[in-house]
C-alpha atoms as a PDB file:
ATOM      1  CA  UNK A   1     -50.898 -17.084  28.786  1.00  0.00           C
ATOM      2  CA  UNK A   2     -53.539 -14.494  29.617  1.00  0.00           C
ATOM      3  CA  UNK A   3     -57.129 -14.909  30.618  1.00  0.00           C
ATOM      4  CA  UNK A   4     -58.376 -14.741  27.008  1.00  0.00           C
ATOM      5  CA  UNK A   5     -57.605 -18.393  26.275  1.00  0.00           C
ATOM      6  CA  UNK A   6     -59.396 -19.443  29.430  1.00  0.00           C
ATOM      7  CA  UNK A   7     -62.392 -17.264  28.653  1.00  0.00           C
ATOM      8  CA  UNK A   8     -62.540 -18.649  25.123  1.00  0.00           C
ATOM      9  CA  UNK A   9     -62.653 -22.144  26.592  1.00  0.00           C
ATOM     10  CA  UNK A  10     -65.653 -21.180  28.711  1.00  0.00           C
ATOM     11  CA  UNK A  11     -63.901 -20.785  32.059  1.00  0.00           C
ATOM     12  CA  UNK A  12     -65.672 -18.270  34.280  1.00  0.00           C
ATOM     13  CA  UNK A  13     -65.818 -17.020  37.850  1.00  0.00           C
ATOM     14  CA  UNK A  14     -66.132 -19.803  40.409  1.00  0.00           C
ATOM     15  CA  UNK A  15     -64.942 -22.623  38.134  1.00  0.00           C
ATOM     16  CA  UNK A  16     -62.161 -25.027  39.086  1.00  0.00           C
ATOM     17  CA  UNK A  17     -59.290 -25.433  36.621  1.00  0.00           C
ATOM     18  CA  UNK A  18     -56.634 -28.134  37.064  1.00  0.00           C
ATOM     19  CA  UNK A  19     -53.083 -26.881  36.475  1.00  0.00           C
ATOM     20  CA  UNK A  20     -49.574 -28.171  37.180  1.00  0.00           C
ATOM     21  CA  UNK A  21     -47.824 -26.802  40.234  1.00  0.00           C
ATOM     22  CA  UNK A  22     -44.333 -27.479  38.869  1.00  0.00           C
ATOM     23  CA  UNK A  23     -43.796 -24.913  36.122  1.00  0.00           C
ATOM     24  CA  UNK A  24     -47.410 -23.755  36.298  1.00  0.00           C
ATOM     25  CA  UNK A  25     -47.219 -20.545  38.299  1.00  0.00           C
ATOM     26  CA  UNK A  26     -48.172 -18.227  35.423  1.00  0.00           C
ATOM     27  CA  UNK A  27     -51.153 -20.274  34.313  1.00  0.00           C
ATOM     28  CA  UNK A  28     -52.366 -20.612  37.919  1.00  0.00           C
ATOM     29  CA  UNK A  29     -52.160 -16.847  38.305  1.00  0.00           C
ATOM     30  CA  UNK A  30     -54.127 -16.354  35.065  1.00  0.00           C
ATOM     31  CA  UNK A  31     -56.828 -18.721  36.336  1.00  0.00           C
ATOM     32  CA  UNK A  32     -57.109 -16.787  39.572  1.00  0.00           C
ATOM     33  CA  UNK A  33     -57.168 -13.410  37.807  1.00  0.00           C
ATOM     34  CA  UNK A  34     -60.262 -14.625  35.973  1.00  0.00           C
ATOM     35  CA  UNK A  35     -61.973 -15.380  39.273  1.00  0.00           C
ATOM     36  CA  UNK A  36     -61.670 -19.133  38.832  1.00  0.00           C
ATOM     37  CA  UNK A  37     -59.795 -21.432  41.222  1.00  0.00           C
ATOM     38  CA  UNK A  38     -56.536 -23.147  40.258  1.00  0.00           C
ATOM     39  CA  UNK A  39     -56.465 -26.750  41.483  1.00  0.00           C
ATOM     40  CA  UNK A  40     -52.961 -28.205  41.506  1.00  0.00           C
ATOM     41  CA  UNK A  41     -52.131 -31.673  40.220  1.00  0.00           C
ATOM     42  CA  UNK A  42     -48.829 -33.522  40.263  1.00  0.00           C
ATOM     43  CA  UNK A  43     -46.393 -34.191  37.426  1.00  0.00           C
ATOM     44  CA  UNK A  44     -45.123 -37.342  35.788  1.00  0.00           C
ATOM     45  CA  UNK A  45     -41.477 -37.558  36.900  1.00  0.00           C
ATOM     46  CA  UNK A  46     -40.103 -38.454  33.482  1.00  0.00           C
ATOM     47  CA  UNK A  47     -41.599 -35.582  31.472  1.00  0.00           C
ATOM     48  CA  UNK A  48     -42.089 -33.020  34.297  1.00  0.00           C
ATOM     49  CA  UNK A  49     -45.546 -32.429  32.785  1.00  0.00           C
ATOM     50  CA  UNK A  50     -49.034 -33.053  34.186  1.00  0.00           C
ATOM     51  CA  UNK A  51     -49.767 -36.626  35.180  1.00  0.00           C
ATOM     52  CA  UNK A  52     -53.242 -37.579  33.884  1.00  0.00           C
ATOM     53  CA  UNK A  53     -53.763 -39.878  36.871  1.00  0.00           C
ATOM     54  CA  UNK A  54     -53.091 -37.017  39.283  1.00  0.00           C
ATOM     55  CA  UNK A  55     -55.449 -34.779  37.320  1.00  0.00           C
ATOM     56  CA  UNK A  56     -58.160 -37.441  37.493  1.00  0.00           C
ATOM     57  CA  UNK A  57     -57.750 -37.641  41.266  1.00  0.00           C
ATOM     58  CA  UNK A  58     -58.517 -33.950  41.821  1.00  0.00           C
ATOM     59  CA  UNK A  59     -61.428 -33.508  39.387  1.00  0.00           C
ATOM     60  CA  UNK A  60     -64.748 -32.651  41.046  1.00  0.00           C
ATOM     61  CA  UNK A  61     -68.148 -31.503  39.863  1.00  0.00           C
ATOM     62  CA  UNK A  62     -66.786 -27.926  39.892  1.00  0.00           C
ATOM     63  CA  UNK A  63     -63.931 -28.705  37.499  1.00  0.00           C
ATOM     64  CA  UNK A  64     -64.394 -27.379  33.974  1.00  0.00           C
ATOM     65  CA  UNK A  65     -60.926 -27.479  32.418  1.00  0.00           C
ATOM     66  CA  UNK A  66     -57.360 -28.722  32.619  1.00  0.00           C
ATOM     67  CA  UNK A  67     -54.369 -26.704  31.434  1.00  0.00           C
ATOM     68  CA  UNK A  68     -51.250 -28.724  30.603  1.00  0.00           C
ATOM     69  CA  UNK A  69     -47.879 -26.991  30.285  1.00  0.00           C
ATOM     70  CA  UNK A  70     -45.180 -28.312  27.963  1.00  0.00           C
ATOM     71  CA  UNK A  71     -41.879 -28.069  29.836  1.00  0.00           C
ATOM     72  CA  UNK A  72     -38.268 -27.972  28.711  1.00  0.00           C
ATOM     73  CA  UNK A  73     -39.163 -29.135  25.183  1.00  0.00           C
ATOM     74  CA  UNK A  74     -41.016 -32.261  26.306  1.00  0.00           C
ATOM     75  CA  UNK A  75     -44.720 -32.236  25.361  1.00  0.00           C
ATOM     76  CA  UNK A  76     -47.333 -33.014  27.956  1.00  0.00           C
ATOM     77  CA  UNK A  77     -49.266 -36.275  27.615  1.00  0.00           C
ATOM     78  CA  UNK A  78     -51.976 -34.788  25.406  1.00  0.00           C
ATOM     79  CA  UNK A  79     -53.347 -38.196  24.416  1.00  0.00           C
ATOM     80  CA  UNK A  80     -53.888 -39.175  28.038  1.00  0.00           C
ATOM     81  CA  UNK A  81     -55.225 -35.764  29.010  1.00  0.00           C
ATOM     82  CA  UNK A  82     -57.613 -35.571  26.059  1.00  0.00           C
ATOM     83  CA  UNK A  83     -58.938 -39.040  26.872  1.00  0.00           C
ATOM     84  CA  UNK A  84     -59.452 -37.999  30.489  1.00  0.00           C
ATOM     85  CA  UNK A  85     -61.156 -34.787  29.399  1.00  0.00           C
ATOM     86  CA  UNK A  86     -63.610 -36.669  27.211  1.00  0.00           C
ATOM     87  CA  UNK A  87     -64.390 -39.128  29.972  1.00  0.00           C
ATOM     88  CA  UNK A  88     -64.853 -36.463  32.653  1.00  0.00           C
ATOM     89  CA  UNK A  89     -66.485 -33.787  30.507  1.00  0.00           C
ATOM     90  CA  UNK A  90     -63.611 -31.291  30.718  1.00  0.00           C
ATOM     91  CA  UNK A  91     -61.977 -28.909  28.292  1.00  0.00           C
ATOM     92  CA  UNK A  92     -58.238 -28.963  27.627  1.00  0.00           C
ATOM     93  CA  UNK A  93     -56.786 -25.449  27.324  1.00  0.00           C
ATOM     94  CA  UNK A  94     -53.387 -25.145  25.664  1.00  0.00           C
ATOM     95  CA  UNK A  95     -50.665 -23.138  27.398  1.00  0.00           C
ATOM     96  CA  UNK A  96     -47.787 -21.809  25.363  1.00  0.00           C
ATOM     97  CA  UNK A  97     -46.431 -23.309  22.165  1.00  0.00           C
ATOM     98  CA  UNK A  98     -46.109 -27.050  21.824  1.00  0.00           C
ATOM     99  CA  UNK A  99     -42.440 -27.979  21.318  1.00  0.00           C
ATOM    100  CA  UNK A 100     -41.426 -28.134  17.678  1.00  0.00           C
ATOM    101  CA  UNK A 101     -39.172 -31.098  16.909  1.00  0.00           C
ATOM    102  CA  UNK A 102     -38.682 -30.809  13.156  1.00  0.00           C
ATOM    103  CA  UNK A 103     -36.732 -27.545  13.159  1.00  0.00           C
ATOM    104  CA  UNK A 104     -33.025 -27.665  12.401  1.00  0.00           C
ATOM    105  CA  UNK A 105     -32.177 -26.235  15.823  1.00  0.00           C
ATOM    106  CA  UNK A 106     -34.278 -28.904  17.544  1.00  0.00           C
ATOM    107  CA  UNK A 107     -32.487 -31.654  15.626  1.00  0.00           C
ATOM    108  CA  UNK A 108     -29.130 -30.238  16.616  1.00  0.00           C
ATOM    109  CA  UNK A 109     -30.301 -29.880  20.214  1.00  0.00           C
ATOM    110  CA  UNK A 110     -31.248 -33.553  20.280  1.00  0.00           C
ATOM    111  CA  UNK A 111     -27.798 -34.433  18.995  1.00  0.00           C
ATOM    112  CA  UNK A 112     -26.165 -32.371  21.736  1.00  0.00           C
ATOM    113  CA  UNK A 113     -28.504 -33.883  24.336  1.00  0.00           C
ATOM    114  CA  UNK A 114     -27.602 -37.388  23.151  1.00  0.00           C
ATOM    115  CA  UNK A 115     -23.908 -36.552  23.585  1.00  0.00           C
ATOM    116  CA  UNK A 116     -24.554 -35.447  27.180  1.00  0.00           C
ATOM    117  CA  UNK A 117     -26.860 -38.399  27.886  1.00  0.00           C
ATOM    118  CA  UNK A 118     -24.150 -40.906  27.031  1.00  0.00           C
ATOM    119  CA  UNK A 119     -21.355 -39.225  28.985  1.00  0.00           C
ATOM    120  CA  UNK A 120     -22.756 -37.621  32.121  1.00  0.00           C
ATOM    121  CA  UNK A 121     -22.291 -39.558  35.372  1.00  0.00           C
ATOM    122  CA  UNK A 122     -23.801 -39.012  38.809  1.00  0.00           C
ATOM    123  CA  UNK A 123     -26.822 -37.040  37.603  1.00  0.00           C
ATOM    124  CA  UNK A 124     -30.089 -38.348  36.209  1.00  0.00           C
ATOM    125  CA  UNK A 125     -30.274 -37.276  32.567  1.00  0.00           C
ATOM    126  CA  UNK A 126     -33.589 -36.277  30.931  1.00  0.00           C
ATOM    127  CA  UNK A 127     -35.963 -39.068  29.950  1.00  0.00           C
ATOM    128  CA  UNK A 128     -38.334 -39.074  27.019  1.00  0.00           C
ATOM    129  CA  UNK A 129     -41.751 -40.675  27.186  1.00  0.00           C
ATOM    130  CA  UNK A 130     -42.507 -43.421  24.699  1.00  0.00           C
ATOM    131  CA  UNK A 131     -43.788 -42.207  21.366  1.00  0.00           C
ATOM    132  CA  UNK A 132     -42.714 -38.551  21.618  1.00  0.00           C
ATOM    133  CA  UNK A 133     -39.659 -36.536  20.623  1.00  0.00           C
ATOM    134  CA  UNK A 134     -37.936 -34.142  22.982  1.00  0.00           C
ATOM    135  CA  UNK A 135     -37.070 -30.679  21.599  1.00  0.00           C
ATOM    136  CA  UNK A 136     -34.634 -29.940  24.499  1.00  0.00           C
ATOM    137  CA  UNK A 137     -35.374 -26.253  24.813  1.00  0.00           C
ATOM    138  CA  UNK A 138     -33.757 -26.846  28.221  1.00  0.00           C
ATOM    139  CA  UNK A 139     -31.529 -29.748  29.244  1.00  0.00           C
ATOM    140  CA  UNK A 140     -32.741 -30.523  32.759  1.00  0.00           C
ATOM    141  CA  UNK A 141     -31.067 -33.153  34.917  1.00  0.00           C
ATOM    142  CA  UNK A 142     -31.763 -34.313  38.428  1.00  0.00           C
ATOM    143  CA  UNK A 143     -29.107 -34.149  41.120  1.00  0.00           C
ATOM    144  CA  UNK A 144     -30.113 -36.958  43.476  1.00  0.00           C
ATOM    145  CA  UNK A 145     -29.440 -36.871  47.183  1.00  0.00           C
ATOM    146  CA  UNK A 146     -31.081 -35.499  50.276  1.00  0.00           C
ATOM    147  CA  UNK A 147     -32.850 -32.539  48.691  1.00  0.00           C
ATOM    148  CA  UNK A 148     -32.152 -28.960  47.745  1.00  0.00           C
ATOM    149  CA  UNK A 149     -28.783 -28.459  49.499  1.00  0.00           C
ATOM    150  CA  UNK A 150     -27.205 -31.171  47.356  1.00  0.00           C
ATOM    151  CA  UNK A 151     -28.520 -29.699  44.098  1.00  0.00           C
ATOM    152  CA  UNK A 152     -27.656 -26.161  45.066  1.00  0.00           C
ATOM    153  CA  UNK A 153     -24.136 -27.069  46.151  1.00  0.00           C
ATOM    154  CA  UNK A 154     -23.675 -28.883  42.846  1.00  0.00           C
ATOM    155  CA  UNK A 155     -24.931 -25.806  40.994  1.00  0.00           C
ATOM    156  CA  UNK A 156     -22.500 -23.494  42.834  1.00  0.00           C
ATOM    157  CA  UNK A 157     -19.626 -25.872  42.166  1.00  0.00           C
ATOM    158  CA  UNK A 158     -20.439 -26.054  38.447  1.00  0.00           C
ATOM    159  CA  UNK A 159     -20.686 -22.279  38.181  1.00  0.00           C
ATOM    160  CA  UNK A 160     -17.291 -21.979  39.844  1.00  0.00           C
ATOM    161  CA  UNK A 161     -16.012 -24.164  36.992  1.00  0.00           C
ATOM    162  CA  UNK A 162     -17.534 -21.887  34.370  1.00  0.00           C
ATOM    163  CA  UNK A 163     -20.678 -23.883  33.606  1.00  0.00           C
ATOM    164  CA  UNK A 164     -23.703 -21.573  33.369  1.00  0.00           C
ATOM    165  CA  UNK A 165     -26.322 -23.820  34.966  1.00  0.00           C
ATOM    166  CA  UNK A 166     -29.490 -22.699  36.735  1.00  0.00           C
ATOM    167  CA  UNK A 167     -32.481 -24.011  38.679  1.00  0.00           C
ATOM    168  CA  UNK A 168     -35.434 -24.077  36.242  1.00  0.00           C
ATOM    169  CA  UNK A 169     -38.230 -24.094  38.832  1.00  0.00           C
ATOM    170  CA  UNK A 170     -37.205 -23.021  42.325  1.00  0.00           C
ATOM    171  CA  UNK A 171     -40.588 -23.359  44.033  1.00  0.00           C
ATOM    172  CA  UNK A 172     -43.745 -25.197  42.908  1.00  0.00           C
ATOM    173  CA  UNK A 173     -46.745 -22.883  42.596  1.00  0.00           C
ATOM    174  CA  UNK A 174     -48.572 -24.541  45.500  1.00  0.00           C
ATOM    175  CA  UNK A 175     -45.679 -23.617  47.793  1.00  0.00           C
ATOM    176  CA  UNK A 176     -45.417 -19.946  46.789  1.00  0.00           C
ATOM    177  CA  UNK A 177     -46.703 -17.199  49.067  1.00  0.00           C
ATOM    178  CA  UNK A 178     -49.212 -16.051  46.457  1.00  0.00           C
ATOM    179  CA  UNK A 179     -50.761 -19.438  45.660  1.00  0.00           C
ATOM    180  CA  UNK A 180     -49.970 -21.560  48.704  1.00  0.00           C
ATOM    181  CA  UNK A 181     -52.211 -24.531  49.499  1.00  0.00           C
ATOM    182  CA  UNK A 182     -51.919 -27.496  51.856  1.00  0.00           C
ATOM    183  CA  UNK A 183     -51.969 -30.049  49.037  1.00  0.00           C
ATOM    184  CA  UNK A 184     -49.075 -32.522  48.882  1.00  0.00           C
ATOM    185  CA  UNK A 185     -47.557 -33.073  45.457  1.00  0.00           C
ATOM    186  CA  UNK A 186     -44.508 -35.257  46.038  1.00  0.00           C
ATOM    187  CA  UNK A 187     -43.245 -35.411  42.463  1.00  0.00           C
ATOM    188  CA  UNK A 188     -43.519 -31.651  41.984  1.00  0.00           C
ATOM    189  CA  UNK A 189     -41.757 -30.992  45.279  1.00  0.00           C
ATOM    190  CA  UNK A 190     -39.012 -33.506  44.537  1.00  0.00           C
ATOM    191  CA  UNK A 191     -38.453 -32.064  41.063  1.00  0.00           C
ATOM    192  CA  UNK A 192     -38.123 -28.547  42.487  1.00  0.00           C
ATOM    193  CA  UNK A 193     -35.495 -29.816  44.925  1.00  0.00           C
ATOM    194  CA  UNK A 194     -33.496 -31.903  42.444  1.00  0.00           C
ATOM    195  CA  UNK A 195     -33.618 -30.316  38.987  1.00  0.00           C
ATOM    196  CA  UNK A 196     -30.834 -28.334  37.380  1.00  0.00           C
ATOM    197  CA  UNK A 197     -30.681 -26.996  33.811  1.00  0.00           C
ATOM    198  CA  UNK A 198     -27.314 -27.451  32.130  1.00  0.00           C
ATOM    199  CA  UNK A 199     -26.254 -25.339  29.147  1.00  0.00           C
ATOM    200  CA  UNK A 200     -27.411 -26.722  25.808  1.00  0.00           C
ATOM    201  CA  UNK A 201     -27.567 -24.677  22.624  1.00  0.00           C
ATOM    202  CA  UNK A 202     -27.832 -25.761  19.008  1.00  0.00           C
ATOM    203  CA  UNK A 203     -24.580 -23.906  18.312  1.00  0.00           C
ATOM    204  CA  UNK A 204     -22.511 -25.706  20.966  1.00  0.00           C
ATOM    205  CA  UNK A 205     -19.360 -27.426  19.770  1.00  0.00           C
ATOM    206  CA  UNK A 206     -18.154 -30.832  20.869  1.00  0.00           C
ATOM    207  CA  UNK A 207     -15.455 -29.108  22.914  1.00  0.00           C
ATOM    208  CA  UNK A 208     -18.057 -27.019  24.747  1.00  0.00           C
ATOM    209  CA  UNK A 209     -20.205 -30.043  25.446  1.00  0.00           C
ATOM    210  CA  UNK A 210     -17.201 -31.964  26.737  1.00  0.00           C
ATOM    211  CA  UNK A 211     -16.406 -29.087  29.063  1.00  0.00           C
ATOM    212  CA  UNK A 212     -19.862 -29.495  30.641  1.00  0.00           C
ATOM    213  CA  UNK A 213     -19.335 -33.247  30.943  1.00  0.00           C
ATOM    214  CA  UNK A 214     -15.891 -32.883  32.497  1.00  0.00           C
ATOM    215  CA  UNK A 215     -17.112 -30.340  35.043  1.00  0.00           C
ATOM    216  CA  UNK A 216     -20.075 -32.486  36.088  1.00  0.00           C
ATOM    217  CA  UNK A 217     -18.231 -35.784  36.197  1.00  0.00           C
ATOM    218  CA  UNK A 218     -15.304 -34.198  37.977  1.00  0.00           C
ATOM    219  CA  UNK A 219     -17.596 -33.472  40.903  1.00  0.00           C
ATOM    220  CA  UNK A 220     -18.490 -37.118  41.233  1.00  0.00           C
ATOM    221  CA  UNK A 221     -22.149 -36.357  40.571  1.00  0.00           C
ATOM    222  CA  UNK A 222     -22.953 -35.372  44.146  1.00  0.00           C
ATOM    223  CA  UNK A 223     -21.753 -32.563  46.346  1.00  0.00           C
ATOM    224  CA  UNK A 224     -22.738 -33.372  49.909  1.00  0.00           C
ATOM    225  CA  UNK A 225     -21.639 -30.130  51.561  1.00  0.00           C
ATOM    226  CA  UNK A 226     -24.417 -27.594  52.249  1.00  0.00           C
ATOM    227  CA  UNK A 227     -24.817 -24.884  49.663  1.00  0.00           C
ATOM    228  CA  UNK A 228     -23.594 -21.416  50.472  1.00  0.00           C
END
């Protein structure tokens, strides 16, 4: 997303724009490049997308827009955000492409995700909000425990077993050097500490999916040793 979408929505210098911190670094940077101020709101832990209640809590008389980000194939709560925008006199600016769920690849991805959902143990599998379909552009689980060392140790152990996993969002935008603020966003911070993207492609075979399951479950879900 560049500044053109923001400008088209009427955002100008000095305006406040509410954005997600988790997964929202690029949009926050675009807001600041325009001379407006990114105001960070928290996410809903199930979807990893903006929580309308958190957005409502940070809206002030200087706020002109809210920019939701669809993450990992799960759409943001556009119904809730549009209702909030109407009530508070805000504009909703789209960021990126809304996940497409009717495509053949998306259908196959959901089938693969369902296979993993039913078999993985010791990690928290993705959840889908009521009334929406998940496109699973990324299959993001949570590794529960005492924070980042547990997730990172689990990641290193999986990679050692040939599973190409990665951390989808290492640092929330409000904790980066460029955009740091003193705001506390517990769900965003917890998601950054716990989330791990496991391999999921439409072309994956049952054997490949089972390899992911076996590697994860073989670790008992949690690796308590500090990460290297």
